[in-house]
């Protein structure tokens, strides 16, 4: 049998590449955190923090609308994630299990909607929201984010439901469950990995989006977190200390959600996918 072990040079080259790639990936967020603890006068200094200070965080929390932005983002993200997971899961399940007229065009329509860039969609969506009177209202962003997240997540959930044996559905019907009861009580518990990824994707779509939030919402009290960051650095001001501090606080919930999704994903992959 041929020896598959790497030689010393190959091993050194591999580990060197991994170290460099890790450093490149870690440096930007690490420098962001370091800058957030620097005084404003040292924001562009290449030195490590000489006199660490919490003044940037105090300014963001006490002298800006950050808490209002956080509340706006949290409300929009929670509603978007709940609706997005439900709609994507039910759509993916229906397309995976049932055959109905227009199913194939529906799947193509979901795929085609992902091909349009954000810049093209802002104007028509803005006109629609203006006509409905939804500008400066959370519902405008909730509906918009759902149109972005649901098509991709529905495709993903369809592929995941395809891997779950149809016999589970049949056993549910034998036990007297209707299609939704079978989906909710038997299939959903087995779909936790897909649901976790769907929830995470929908969360990130709504939490970190800037273009729609800036176009549809005006007035500092109505902004979301991502749009609010623009108030710190623009053509009139450049408060990098406050911006980095706000960015760090915005990243914390995203990191927590990622940890939750990762934990459920790993746990779900070890679960059985058949009914005994």
Protein backbone atom coordinates (compact mmCIF):
# COMPACT_ATOMS: atom_id res chain seq x y z
CA UNK A 1 0.00 0.00 0.00
CA UNK A 2 1.33 3.38 -0.99
CA UNK A 3 2.48 5.62 1.88
CA UNK A 4 0.16 8.65 2.03
CA UNK A 5 2.11 10.57 4.68
CA UNK A 6 3.22 14.12 3.80
CA UNK A 7 6.88 14.99 3.62
CA UNK A 8 8.47 17.57 5.95
CA UNK A 9 8.38 20.36 3.35
CA UNK A 10 4.74 19.70 2.46
CA UNK A 11 3.80 19.70 6.15
CA UNK A 12 5.65 22.97 6.80
CA UNK A 13 4.05 24.57 3.73
CA UNK A 14 0.56 23.44 4.77
CA UNK A 15 0.89 24.70 8.33
CA UNK A 16 2.42 27.98 7.18
CA UNK A 17 -0.48 28.55 4.80
CA UNK A 18 -3.01 27.79 7.54
CA UNK A 19 -1.28 30.16 9.96
CA UNK A 20 -1.20 32.98 7.41
CA UNK A 21 -4.85 32.41 6.44
CA UNK A 22 -5.88 32.39 10.11
CA UNK A 23 -3.97 35.61 10.79
CA UNK A 24 -5.59 37.33 7.80
CA UNK A 25 -9.05 36.23 8.98
CA UNK A 26 -8.54 37.18 12.64
CA UNK A 27 -6.69 40.49 12.19
CA UNK A 28 -9.63 42.74 11.07
CA UNK A 29 -12.03 41.88 13.94
CA UNK A 30 -9.14 41.89 16.42
CA UNK A 31 -8.02 45.35 15.28
CA UNK A 32 -11.65 46.51 15.46
CA UNK A 33 -11.82 45.46 19.11
CA UNK A 34 -8.46 47.06 19.90
CA UNK A 35 -9.46 50.36 18.24
CA UNK A 36 -12.70 50.48 20.23
CA UNK A 37 -10.67 50.80 23.45
CA UNK A 38 -8.40 53.55 22.14
CA UNK A 39 -8.93 57.26 22.79
CA UNK A 40 -10.22 59.12 19.74
CA UNK A 41 -6.86 60.82 19.24
CA UNK A 42 -5.18 57.41 18.82
CA UNK A 43 -7.76 55.80 16.50
CA UNK A 44 -5.31 55.66 13.57
CA UNK A 45 -2.30 54.78 15.68
CA UNK A 46 -0.63 51.46 14.86
CA UNK A 47 0.38 50.98 18.49
CA UNK A 48 -1.41 48.57 20.77
CA UNK A 49 -3.65 50.29 23.29
CA UNK A 50 -1.52 52.44 25.60
CA UNK A 51 -4.29 53.92 27.71
CA UNK A 52 -7.37 51.68 27.36
CA UNK A 53 -10.63 53.49 27.86
CA UNK A 54 -14.35 52.70 27.87
CA UNK A 55 -15.22 56.24 26.81
CA UNK A 56 -16.20 55.14 23.30
CA UNK A 57 -18.68 52.62 24.67
CA UNK A 58 -20.02 55.13 27.19
CA UNK A 59 -20.53 57.69 24.43
CA UNK A 60 -22.32 55.20 22.15
CA UNK A 61 -24.65 53.95 24.90
CA UNK A 62 -25.29 57.27 26.61
CA UNK A 63 -25.10 59.99 23.96
CA UNK A 64 -26.48 58.35 20.82
CA UNK A 65 -29.63 56.52 19.71
CA UNK A 66 -27.84 53.16 19.87
CA UNK A 67 -30.35 51.59 22.27
CA UNK A 68 -33.21 52.68 19.99
CA UNK A 69 -31.37 51.19 17.01
CA UNK A 70 -30.88 47.98 18.97
CA UNK A 71 -34.59 47.80 19.83
CA UNK A 72 -35.59 48.45 16.22
CA UNK A 73 -33.20 45.80 14.91
CA UNK A 74 -34.20 43.25 17.53
CA UNK A 75 -37.91 43.64 16.76
CA UNK A 76 -37.37 43.42 12.99
CA UNK A 77 -34.97 40.47 13.26
CA UNK A 78 -37.15 38.41 15.61
CA UNK A 79 -40.29 38.81 13.47
CA UNK A 80 -38.34 38.22 10.24
CA UNK A 81 -36.64 35.11 11.59
CA UNK A 82 -39.84 33.54 12.93
CA UNK A 83 -41.81 34.21 9.75
CA UNK A 84 -38.88 33.32 7.51
CA UNK A 85 -38.27 29.93 9.13
CA UNK A 86 -41.98 29.07 9.08
CA UNK A 87 -42.57 30.10 5.45
CA UNK A 88 -39.34 28.54 4.17
CA UNK A 89 -39.94 25.28 6.05
CA UNK A 90 -43.56 24.87 4.96
CA UNK A 91 -42.72 25.82 1.37
CA UNK A 92 -39.77 23.43 1.23
CA UNK A 93 -41.85 20.62 2.74
CA UNK A 94 -44.75 21.17 0.34
CA UNK A 95 -42.48 21.12 -2.71
CA UNK A 96 -40.58 18.09 -1.40
CA UNK A 97 -43.60 15.95 -0.57
CA UNK A 98 -46.46 17.03 -2.84
CA UNK A 99 -46.94 17.32 -6.58
CA UNK A 100 -49.22 20.15 -7.70
CA UNK A 101 -49.74 22.29 -10.82
CA UNK A 102 -47.19 25.07 -11.06
CA UNK A 103 -44.69 23.43 -8.69
CA UNK A 104 -41.81 23.55 -11.15
CA UNK A 105 -42.39 27.21 -12.17
CA UNK A 106 -42.61 28.06 -8.46
CA UNK A 107 -39.19 26.58 -7.76
CA UNK A 108 -37.70 28.36 -10.76
CA UNK A 109 -39.29 31.61 -9.59
CA UNK A 110 -37.69 31.20 -6.17
CA UNK A 111 -34.34 30.63 -7.85
CA UNK A 112 -34.63 33.54 -10.29
CA UNK A 113 -35.39 36.03 -7.50
CA UNK A 114 -31.88 35.41 -6.14
CA UNK A 115 -30.29 36.64 -9.37
CA UNK A 116 -31.26 40.31 -8.99
CA UNK A 117 -28.74 42.55 -7.18
CA UNK A 118 -29.85 44.77 -4.34
CA UNK A 119 -29.17 47.99 -6.27
CA UNK A 120 -31.77 47.07 -8.91
CA UNK A 121 -34.49 46.21 -6.40
CA UNK A 122 -34.22 49.22 -4.09
CA UNK A 123 -36.13 51.65 -6.34
CA UNK A 124 -39.14 49.41 -7.18
CA UNK A 125 -39.38 48.20 -3.58
CA UNK A 126 -39.15 51.79 -2.35
CA UNK A 127 -42.03 52.78 -4.65
CA UNK A 128 -44.11 49.84 -3.43
CA UNK A 129 -43.48 50.68 0.23
CA UNK A 130 -44.25 54.35 -0.44
CA UNK A 131 -47.54 53.45 -2.13
CA UNK A 132 -48.52 51.23 0.80
CA UNK A 133 -47.49 53.90 3.32
CA UNK A 134 -44.94 51.60 4.91
CA UNK A 135 -41.88 53.83 4.75
CA UNK A 136 -40.33 54.46 8.16
CA UNK A 137 -42.27 51.43 9.41
CA UNK A 138 -40.68 48.15 10.57
CA UNK A 139 -43.02 46.18 8.31
CA UNK A 140 -41.25 47.56 5.22
CA UNK A 141 -37.96 45.97 6.27
CA UNK A 142 -39.61 42.76 7.51
CA UNK A 143 -41.33 42.16 4.16
CA UNK A 144 -38.19 43.10 2.23
CA UNK A 145 -35.92 40.81 4.23
CA UNK A 146 -38.40 37.95 3.83
CA UNK A 147 -38.27 38.38 0.05
CA UNK A 148 -34.48 38.06 0.27
CA UNK A 149 -34.20 35.15 2.70
CA UNK A 150 -37.21 32.93 2.01
CA UNK A 151 -36.45 31.88 -1.62
CA UNK A 152 -32.95 30.64 -0.80
CA UNK A 153 -34.03 29.02 2.47
CA UNK A 154 -37.01 27.31 0.78
CA UNK A 155 -34.65 25.72 -1.76
CA UNK A 156 -32.34 24.63 1.04
CA UNK A 157 -35.16 23.19 3.15
CA UNK A 158 -36.56 21.35 0.13
CA UNK A 159 -33.25 19.58 -0.33
CA UNK A 160 -33.11 18.77 3.39
CA UNK A 161 -36.65 17.36 3.47
CA UNK A 162 -35.77 15.18 0.48
CA UNK A 163 -33.28 13.35 2.71
CA UNK A 164 -35.94 12.48 5.31
CA UNK A 165 -37.60 9.14 4.50
CA UNK A 166 -41.13 9.37 3.11
CA UNK A 167 -42.05 6.41 5.33
CA UNK A 168 -42.19 8.82 8.26
CA UNK A 169 -45.00 10.74 6.57
CA UNK A 170 -46.79 7.52 5.77
CA UNK A 171 -46.59 6.37 9.37
CA UNK A 172 -48.10 9.70 10.43
CA UNK A 173 -51.04 9.25 8.09
CA UNK A 174 -51.55 5.72 9.43
CA UNK A 175 -51.71 7.22 12.94
CA UNK A 176 -54.42 9.62 11.77
CA UNK A 177 -52.40 12.82 11.40
CA UNK A 178 -53.25 15.33 8.70
CA UNK A 179 -50.43 16.66 6.45
CA UNK A 180 -49.67 19.64 8.71
CA UNK A 181 -49.76 17.44 11.81
CA UNK A 182 -47.32 15.05 10.18
CA UNK A 183 -45.07 17.95 9.24
CA UNK A 184 -45.18 19.59 12.67
CA UNK A 185 -45.00 16.53 14.93
CA UNK A 186 -42.83 14.11 12.97
CA UNK A 187 -40.79 15.93 10.32
CA UNK A 188 -39.88 19.19 12.05
CA UNK A 189 -38.04 17.46 14.95
CA UNK A 190 -35.86 15.69 12.38
CA UNK A 191 -35.22 18.91 10.46
CA UNK A 192 -33.45 20.80 13.25
CA UNK A 193 -30.14 21.12 11.35
CA UNK A 194 -31.88 22.71 8.35
CA UNK A 195 -34.07 24.89 10.55
CA UNK A 196 -31.02 26.09 12.50
CA UNK A 197 -29.21 27.09 9.31
CA UNK A 198 -32.37 28.75 7.97
CA UNK A 199 -32.81 30.72 11.19
CA UNK A 200 -29.18 31.81 11.15
CA UNK A 201 -29.28 32.88 7.50
CA UNK A 202 -32.50 34.84 8.04
CA UNK A 203 -31.09 36.45 11.18
CA UNK A 204 -27.90 37.57 9.41
CA UNK A 205 -29.89 38.85 6.44
CA UNK A 206 -31.90 41.17 8.69
CA UNK A 207 -29.23 41.97 11.30
CA UNK A 208 -26.40 43.12 9.04
CA UNK A 209 -28.30 44.63 6.08
CA UNK A 210 -27.59 48.29 5.30
CA UNK A 211 -28.92 49.26 1.85
CA UNK A 212 -32.65 48.72 2.41
CA UNK A 213 -32.51 49.98 6.00
CA UNK A 214 -30.88 53.23 4.88
CA UNK A 215 -33.33 53.73 2.00
CA UNK A 216 -36.57 52.92 3.79
CA UNK A 217 -35.91 54.43 7.23
CA UNK A 218 -35.16 58.09 8.03
CA UNK A 219 -34.58 59.84 11.32
CA UNK A 220 -32.03 58.52 13.79
CA UNK A 221 -34.67 57.07 16.11
CA UNK A 222 -36.01 54.85 13.29
CA UNK A 223 -32.69 53.42 12.08
CA UNK A 224 -31.48 49.88 12.59
CA UNK A 225 -28.05 49.05 13.99
CA UNK A 226 -26.32 48.56 10.64
CA UNK A 227 -27.74 51.79 9.24
CA UNK A 228 -26.96 53.64 12.47
CA UNK A 229 -23.26 52.93 12.06
CA UNK A 230 -23.22 55.33 9.12
CA UNK A 231 -23.96 58.25 11.44
CA UNK A 232 -20.54 57.91 13.06
CA UNK A 233 -18.48 58.11 9.87
CA UNK A 234 -19.84 60.12 6.94
CA UNK A 235 -19.00 63.22 4.90
CA UNK A 236 -19.51 65.45 7.94
CA UNK A 237 -18.02 63.48 10.83
CA UNK A 238 -15.49 60.69 11.36
CA UNK A 239 -15.80 59.27 14.86
CA UNK A 240 -13.95 55.98 14.36
CA UNK A 241 -13.76 55.21 18.07
CA UNK A 242 -17.53 55.26 18.47
CA UNK A 243 -18.03 53.35 15.25
CA UNK A 244 -15.71 50.53 16.28
CA UNK A 245 -17.30 50.35 19.73
CA UNK A 246 -20.78 50.13 18.19
CA UNK A 247 -19.57 47.53 15.68
CA UNK A 248 -18.23 45.35 18.50
CA UNK A 249 -21.55 45.50 20.35
CA UNK A 250 -23.43 44.70 17.14
CA UNK A 251 -21.23 41.65 16.52
CA UNK A 252 -21.91 40.12 19.95
CA UNK A 253 -25.56 39.06 19.26
CA UNK A 254 -24.53 37.68 15.87
CA UNK A 255 -21.80 35.61 17.51
CA UNK A 256 -24.26 34.28 20.10
CA UNK A 257 -26.77 33.30 17.42
CA UNK A 258 -24.02 31.59 15.44
CA UNK A 259 -23.00 29.62 18.54
CA UNK A 260 -26.61 28.55 19.05
CA UNK A 261 -27.05 27.53 15.40
CA UNK A 262 -23.77 25.63 15.38
CA UNK A 263 -24.65 23.75 18.54
CA UNK A 264 -28.05 22.70 17.20
CA UNK A 265 -26.57 21.81 13.83
CA UNK A 266 -23.96 19.48 15.33
CA UNK A 267 -26.53 17.93 17.68
CA UNK A 268 -29.01 17.43 14.86
CA UNK A 269 -26.50 15.68 12.62
CA UNK A 270 -26.12 12.92 15.21
CA UNK A 271 -29.88 12.39 15.58
CA UNK A 272 -31.63 9.54 13.84
CA UNK A 273 -33.63 10.24 10.70
CA UNK A 274 -35.85 7.19 10.77
CA UNK A 275 -38.79 6.21 12.91
CA UNK A 276 -38.41 2.95 14.70
